[in-house]
Amino acid sequence: MHPQISRLYRKTFLFHFRNLRWALGRNNTFLCYQVDREERDSTVPIHRGVFKTQVFLETRLHAELCFLYWLHDYPLQFPDQHLQITWFISWSPCSDCAQQVAAFLASHSNLSLTIYAARLYYFWNHSYQEGLRALQREGARVEIMSLRGRKEGPGCQWTGACQGRVHRNRGQPQGQGRWTEEGLGRKEAPAKPKI
């Protein structure tokens, strides 16, 4: 019901995570995540992966809800430990998803969430704005990439949450991309693989 994607190809990543004024053809949401467990004065990564909006179901299931279903099944086995969750998401959450994620955060005090979104979804719609505010009220940190492909706010680099999950065409590993114009907002087209 909420399967993860085994890997995200570089071309797909660059297409969906680029912030454009008119993001034509970008009808899916991709959510790359990392879950870290706090230990003493540091954090230990315990899981990372990629979810995509599920469109082949009778009712569409957004990537954020796929993640929540997975999260409910998996890391709540650490109820006494604080978990830090980081999302790198191609669209900011819709109003309904934002409200559901905010409610989930409110009922799980051992979780903290940071969201780095490539684009705002229906930014002019008041209910979508209120959904993002609800996330912030529950302690989520939300940062949006600017149209120039640069970060908005501190600490908004693509720090490897999708490292090993983002691949070039033909399965060549990409390594570590950046949440800046170096990786996402490049002017030049990605290099074609050599055959």
C-alpha atoms as a PDB file:
ATOM      1  CA  MET A   1       0.000   0.000   0.000  1.00  0.00           C
ATOM      2  CA  HIS A   2       2.862   2.432   0.664  1.00  0.00           C
ATOM      3  CA  PRO A   3       5.902   0.922  -1.058  1.00  0.00           C
ATOM      4  CA  GLN A   4       9.184   2.739  -1.071  1.00  0.00           C
ATOM      5  CA  ILE A   5      11.148   3.395  -4.228  1.00  0.00           C
ATOM      6  CA  SER A   6      14.424   1.500  -4.316  1.00  0.00           C
ATOM      7  CA  ARG A   7      16.264   4.398  -5.962  1.00  0.00           C
ATOM      8  CA  LEU A   8      15.671   7.725  -7.625  1.00  0.00           C
ATOM      9  CA  TYR A   9      17.463   8.284 -10.913  1.00  0.00           C
ATOM     10  CA  ARG A  10      19.431  11.502 -11.298  1.00  0.00           C
ATOM     11  CA  LYS A  11      17.393  12.680 -14.298  1.00  0.00           C
ATOM     12  CA  THR A  12      14.160  12.147 -12.341  1.00  0.00           C
ATOM     13  CA  PHE A  13      15.615  13.923  -9.333  1.00  0.00           C
ATOM     14  CA  LEU A  14      16.784  16.941 -11.333  1.00  0.00           C
ATOM     15  CA  PHE A  15      13.425  17.196 -13.114  1.00  0.00           C
ATOM     16  CA  HIS A  16      11.217  16.985 -10.025  1.00  0.00           C
ATOM     17  CA  PHE A  17      13.348  18.856  -7.479  1.00  0.00           C
ATOM     18  CA  ARG A  18      14.034  21.975  -9.504  1.00  0.00           C
ATOM     19  CA  ASN A  19      12.089  25.043  -8.419  1.00  0.00           C
ATOM     20  CA  LEU A  20      10.441  26.725 -11.395  1.00  0.00           C
ATOM     21  CA  ARG A  21       7.818  29.439 -11.599  1.00  0.00           C
ATOM     22  CA  TRP A  22       5.667  27.123 -13.769  1.00  0.00           C
ATOM     23  CA  ALA A  23       6.493  23.501 -12.939  1.00  0.00           C
ATOM     24  CA  LEU A  24       4.770  21.855 -15.895  1.00  0.00           C
ATOM     25  CA  GLY A  25       4.711  18.065 -16.025  1.00  0.00           C
ATOM     26  CA  ARG A  26       5.678  17.678 -12.384  1.00  0.00           C
ATOM     27  CA  ASN A  27       2.508  15.943 -11.229  1.00  0.00           C
ATOM     28  CA  ASN A  28       4.117  13.641  -8.675  1.00  0.00           C
ATOM     29  CA  THR A  29       5.606  14.318  -5.292  1.00  0.00           C
ATOM     30  CA  PHE A  30       8.845  12.611  -4.335  1.00  0.00           C
ATOM     31  CA  LEU A  31       9.824  12.502  -0.671  1.00  0.00           C
ATOM     32  CA  CYS A  32      13.394  11.563   0.260  1.00  0.00           C
ATOM     33  CA  TYR A  33      13.777  11.071   3.987  1.00  0.00           C
ATOM     34  CA  GLN A  34      16.238  10.256   6.715  1.00  0.00           C
ATOM     35  CA  VAL A  35      15.390   9.191  10.263  1.00  0.00           C
ATOM     36  CA  ASP A  36      18.079   9.794  12.900  1.00  0.00           C
ATOM     37  CA  ARG A  37      18.095   8.686  16.527  1.00  0.00           C
ATOM     38  CA  GLU A  38      19.617  11.007  19.112  1.00  0.00           C
ATOM     39  CA  GLU A  39      22.377   9.395  21.170  1.00  0.00           C
ATOM     40  CA  ARG A  40      24.193  11.469  23.770  1.00  0.00           C
ATOM     41  CA  ASP A  41      25.468  14.540  21.902  1.00  0.00           C
ATOM     42  CA  SER A  42      25.097  13.213  18.362  1.00  0.00           C
ATOM     43  CA  THR A  43      22.641  11.600  15.993  1.00  0.00           C
ATOM     44  CA  VAL A  44      22.793   8.146  14.441  1.00  0.00           C
ATOM     45  CA  PRO A  45      21.086   7.514  11.084  1.00  0.00           C
ATOM     46  CA  ILE A  46      18.739   4.553  11.395  1.00  0.00           C
ATOM     47  CA  HIS A  47      16.830   4.647   8.106  1.00  0.00           C
ATOM     48  CA  ARG A  48      16.568   6.515   4.815  1.00  0.00           C
ATOM     49  CA  GLY A  49      14.533   6.061   1.684  1.00  0.00           C
ATOM     50  CA  VAL A  50      12.247   7.535  -0.959  1.00  0.00           C
ATOM     51  CA  PHE A  51       8.464   7.620  -1.284  1.00  0.00           C
ATOM     52  CA  LYS A  52       6.392   8.770  -4.250  1.00  0.00           C
ATOM     53  CA  THR A  53       2.727   9.727  -4.432  1.00  0.00           C
ATOM     54  CA  GLN A  54       0.773   6.551  -5.161  1.00  0.00           C
ATOM     55  CA  VAL A  55      -1.517   7.276  -8.119  1.00  0.00           C
ATOM     56  CA  PHE A  56      -2.617   3.767  -9.049  1.00  0.00           C
ATOM     57  CA  LEU A  57      -4.760   3.283  -5.979  1.00  0.00           C
ATOM     58  CA  GLU A  58      -8.522   3.782  -5.909  1.00  0.00           C
ATOM     59  CA  THR A  59      -7.889   6.886  -3.840  1.00  0.00           C
ATOM     60  CA  ARG A  60      -4.634   8.748  -4.416  1.00  0.00           C
ATOM     61  CA  LEU A  61      -2.175   8.474  -1.508  1.00  0.00           C
ATOM     62  CA  HIS A  62       0.264  11.363  -1.202  1.00  0.00           C
ATOM     63  CA  ALA A  63       3.936  10.699  -0.452  1.00  0.00           C
ATOM     64  CA  GLU A  64       3.661  12.326   2.989  1.00  0.00           C
ATOM     65  CA  LEU A  65       0.926   9.884   4.010  1.00  0.00           C
ATOM     66  CA  CYS A  66       2.909   6.950   2.586  1.00  0.00           C
ATOM     67  CA  PHE A  67       5.698   8.049   4.917  1.00  0.00           C
ATOM     68  CA  LEU A  68       3.353   8.336   7.920  1.00  0.00           C
ATOM     69  CA  TYR A  69       1.999   4.819   7.330  1.00  0.00           C
ATOM     70  CA  TRP A  70       5.559   3.523   7.137  1.00  0.00           C
ATOM     71  CA  LEU A  71       6.605   5.518  10.197  1.00  0.00           C
ATOM     72  CA  HIS A  72       3.714   4.180  12.216  1.00  0.00           C
ATOM     73  CA  ASP A  73       4.812   0.635  11.322  1.00  0.00           C
ATOM     74  CA  TYR A  74       8.567   1.053  11.866  1.00  0.00           C
ATOM     75  CA  PRO A  75      10.437   3.455  14.133  1.00  0.00           C
ATOM     76  CA  LEU A  76       7.917   3.799  16.909  1.00  0.00           C
ATOM     77  CA  GLN A  77       9.736   0.842  18.376  1.00  0.00           C
ATOM     78  CA  PHE A  78      11.926   3.582  19.926  1.00  0.00           C
ATOM     79  CA  PRO A  79       9.263   5.262  22.133  1.00  0.00           C
ATOM     80  CA  ASP A  80      11.783   6.441  24.739  1.00  0.00           C
ATOM     81  CA  GLN A  81      14.244   7.926  22.241  1.00  0.00           C
ATOM     82  CA  HIS A  82      13.999  11.158  20.296  1.00  0.00           C
ATOM     83  CA  LEU A  83      13.928  10.717  16.513  1.00  0.00           C
ATOM     84  CA  GLN A  84      14.863  13.479  14.078  1.00  0.00           C
ATOM     85  CA  ILE A  85      13.160  13.171  10.694  1.00  0.00           C
ATOM     86  CA  THR A  86      14.360  15.096   7.646  1.00  0.00           C
ATOM     87  CA  TRP A  87      12.339  15.327   4.438  1.00  0.00           C
ATOM     88  CA  PHE A  88      13.556  16.557   1.072  1.00  0.00           C
ATOM     89  CA  ILE A  89      10.333  16.894  -0.885  1.00  0.00           C
ATOM     90  CA  SER A  90       9.583  18.039  -4.430  1.00  0.00           C
ATOM     91  CA  TRP A  91       6.346  19.869  -3.446  1.00  0.00           C
ATOM     92  CA  SER A  92       5.349  21.285  -0.075  1.00  0.00           C
ATOM     93  CA  PRO A  93       2.551  19.284   1.578  1.00  0.00           C
ATOM     94  CA  CYS A  94      -1.041  19.968   0.567  1.00  0.00           C
ATOM     95  CA  SER A  95      -3.398  21.311   3.210  1.00  0.00           C
ATOM     96  CA  ASP A  96      -4.823  17.909   4.195  1.00  0.00           C
ATOM     97  CA  CYS A  97      -1.413  16.212   4.402  1.00  0.00           C
ATOM     98  CA  ALA A  98       0.054  19.110   6.387  1.00  0.00           C
ATOM     99  CA  GLN A  99      -2.803  18.888   8.905  1.00  0.00           C
ATOM    100  CA  GLN A 100      -2.392  15.099   9.243  1.00  0.00           C
ATOM    101  CA  VAL A 101       1.378  15.361   9.689  1.00  0.00           C
ATOM    102  CA  ALA A 102       0.884  18.142  12.266  1.00  0.00           C
ATOM    103  CA  ALA A 103      -1.587  15.956  14.190  1.00  0.00           C
ATOM    104  CA  PHE A 104       0.878  13.056  14.060  1.00  0.00           C
ATOM    105  CA  LEU A 105       3.651  15.280  15.444  1.00  0.00           C
ATOM    106  CA  ALA A 106       1.335  16.525  18.194  1.00  0.00           C
ATOM    107  CA  SER A 107       0.671  12.955  19.328  1.00  0.00           C
ATOM    108  CA  HIS A 108       4.320  11.825  19.169  1.00  0.00           C
ATOM    109  CA  SER A 109       6.452  14.112  21.307  1.00  0.00           C
ATOM    110  CA  ASN A 110       9.572  12.011  20.637  1.00  0.00           C
ATOM    111  CA  LEU A 111       9.630  13.092  16.953  1.00  0.00           C
ATOM    112  CA  SER A 112      10.948  16.254  15.312  1.00  0.00           C
ATOM    113  CA  LEU A 113      10.557  17.043  11.612  1.00  0.00           C
ATOM    114  CA  THR A 114      12.498  19.263   9.218  1.00  0.00           C
ATOM    115  CA  ILE A 115      11.074  19.736   5.716  1.00  0.00           C
ATOM    116  CA  TYR A 116      13.097  21.073   2.783  1.00  0.00           C
ATOM    117  CA  ALA A 117      10.681  21.615  -0.126  1.00  0.00           C
ATOM    118  CA  ALA A 118      11.698  22.412  -3.694  1.00  0.00           C
ATOM    119  CA  ARG A 119       8.421  24.227  -4.433  1.00  0.00           C
ATOM    120  CA  LEU A 120       5.333  25.554  -2.665  1.00  0.00           C
ATOM    121  CA  TYR A 121       2.117  23.774  -3.609  1.00  0.00           C
ATOM    122  CA  TYR A 122      -0.705  26.284  -4.348  1.00  0.00           C
ATOM    123  CA  PHE A 123       1.072  28.977  -2.339  1.00  0.00           C
ATOM    124  CA  TRP A 124      -1.717  31.495  -3.004  1.00  0.00           C
ATOM    125  CA  ASN A 125      -4.367  29.270  -1.377  1.00  0.00           C
ATOM    126  CA  HIS A 126      -5.102  30.231   2.239  1.00  0.00           C
ATOM    127  CA  SER A 127      -5.787  26.635   3.378  1.00  0.00           C
ATOM    128  CA  TYR A 128      -2.397  25.492   2.059  1.00  0.00           C
ATOM    129  CA  GLN A 129      -0.700  28.361   3.901  1.00  0.00           C
ATOM    130  CA  GLU A 130      -2.562  27.415   7.079  1.00  0.00           C
ATOM    131  CA  GLY A 131      -1.438  23.791   6.684  1.00  0.00           C
ATOM    132  CA  LEU A 132       2.205  24.886   6.667  1.00  0.00           C
ATOM    133  CA  ARG A 133       1.571  27.098   9.700  1.00  0.00           C
ATOM    134  CA  ALA A 134       0.017  24.099  11.510  1.00  0.00           C
ATOM    135  CA  LEU A 135       3.220  22.142  10.870  1.00  0.00           C
ATOM    136  CA  GLN A 136       5.293  24.979  12.302  1.00  0.00           C
ATOM    137  CA  ARG A 137       3.042  25.248  15.367  1.00  0.00           C
ATOM    138  CA  GLU A 138       3.769  21.577  16.080  1.00  0.00           C
ATOM    139  CA  GLY A 139       7.508  22.254  15.921  1.00  0.00           C
ATOM    140  CA  ALA A 140       8.253  21.290  12.316  1.00  0.00           C
ATOM    141  CA  ARG A 141      10.896  23.372  10.583  1.00  0.00           C
ATOM    142  CA  VAL A 142       9.844  24.162   6.995  1.00  0.00           C
ATOM    143  CA  GLU A 143      12.238  25.644   4.426  1.00  0.00           C
ATOM    144  CA  ILE A 144      11.525  26.340   0.758  1.00  0.00           C
ATOM    145  CA  MET A 145      14.047  26.653  -2.072  1.00  0.00           C
ATOM    146  CA  SER A 146      13.929  29.999  -3.867  1.00  0.00           C
ATOM    147  CA  LEU A 147      13.331  30.314  -7.609  1.00  0.00           C
ATOM    148  CA  ARG A 148      17.056  30.747  -8.194  1.00  0.00           C
ATOM    149  CA  GLY A 149      17.672  27.280  -6.815  1.00  0.00           C
ATOM    150  CA  ARG A 150      19.317  28.593  -3.690  1.00  0.00           C
ATOM    151  CA  LYS A 151      18.326  27.743  -0.184  1.00  0.00           C
ATOM    152  CA  GLU A 152      15.952  29.803   1.930  1.00  0.00           C
ATOM    153  CA  GLY A 153      17.092  29.758   5.538  1.00  0.00           C
ATOM    154  CA  PRO A 154      20.079  28.152   7.244  1.00  0.00           C
ATOM    155  CA  GLY A 155      21.287  24.587   6.871  1.00  0.00           C
ATOM    156  CA  CYS A 156      19.418  23.801   3.684  1.00  0.00           C
ATOM    157  CA  GLN A 157      22.013  21.663   1.907  1.00  0.00           C
ATOM    158  CA  TRP A 158      21.323  18.305   0.359  1.00  0.00           C
ATOM    159  CA  THR A 159      23.277  16.548   3.083  1.00  0.00           C
ATOM    160  CA  GLY A 160      23.108  12.981   1.902  1.00  0.00           C
ATOM    161  CA  ALA A 161      19.621  11.995   3.027  1.00  0.00           C
ATOM    162  CA  CYS A 162      19.171  10.629  -0.470  1.00  0.00           C
ATOM    163  CA  GLN A 163      22.805   9.677  -0.961  1.00  0.00           C
ATOM    164  CA  GLY A 164      22.868   6.181  -2.356  1.00  0.00           C
ATOM    165  CA  ARG A 165      19.225   6.592  -3.430  1.00  0.00           C
ATOM    166  CA  VAL A 166      19.838   9.137  -6.192  1.00  0.00           C
ATOM    167  CA  HIS A 167      21.428   7.533  -9.235  1.00  0.00           C
ATOM    168  CA  ARG A 168      22.479   8.594 -12.688  1.00  0.00           C
ATOM    169  CA  ASN A 169      20.908   6.918 -15.659  1.00  0.00           C
ATOM    170  CA  ARG A 170      22.197   3.391 -16.239  1.00  0.00           C
ATOM    171  CA  GLY A 171      22.564   2.922 -12.476  1.00  0.00           C
ATOM    172  CA  GLN A 172      25.768   4.894 -11.987  1.00  0.00           C
ATOM    173  CA  PRO A 173      25.836   6.344  -8.455  1.00  0.00           C
ATOM    174  CA  GLN A 174      25.575  10.102  -8.315  1.00  0.00           C
ATOM    175  CA  GLY A 175      27.311  10.565  -5.008  1.00  0.00           C
ATOM    176  CA  GLN A 176      26.169  13.544  -3.012  1.00  0.00           C
ATOM    177  CA  GLY A 177      24.113  16.262  -4.684  1.00  0.00           C
ATOM    178  CA  ARG A 178      23.576  19.695  -3.221  1.00  0.00           C
ATOM    179  CA  TRP A 179      20.409  21.587  -2.422  1.00  0.00           C
ATOM    180  CA  THR A 180      21.822  24.626  -4.223  1.00  0.00           C
ATOM    181  CA  GLU A 181      22.286  25.666  -7.820  1.00  0.00           C
ATOM    182  CA  GLU A 182      25.268  23.293  -8.004  1.00  0.00           C
ATOM    183  CA  GLY A 183      22.954  20.298  -7.998  1.00  0.00           C
ATOM    184  CA  LEU A 184      19.324  21.246  -8.407  1.00  0.00           C
ATOM    185  CA  GLY A 185      19.251  24.589 -10.118  1.00  0.00           C
ATOM    186  CA  ARG A 186      21.984  24.012 -12.661  1.00  0.00           C
ATOM    187  CA  LYS A 187      21.761  25.941 -15.905  1.00  0.00           C
ATOM    188  CA  GLU A 188      23.381  23.202 -17.972  1.00  0.00           C
ATOM    189  CA  ALA A 189      21.716  19.896 -18.762  1.00  0.00           C
ATOM    190  CA  PRO A 190      22.949  16.815 -16.904  1.00  0.00           C
ATOM    191  CA  ALA A 191      25.744  14.957 -18.653  1.00  0.00           C
ATOM    192  CA  LYS A 192      24.634  12.023 -20.779  1.00  0.00           C
ATOM    193  CA  PRO A 193      26.031   8.649 -19.755  1.00  0.00           C
ATOM    194  CA  LYS A 194      28.782   7.184 -21.912  1.00  0.00           C
ATOM    195  CA  ILE A 195      27.863   3.992 -23.696  1.00  0.00           C
END
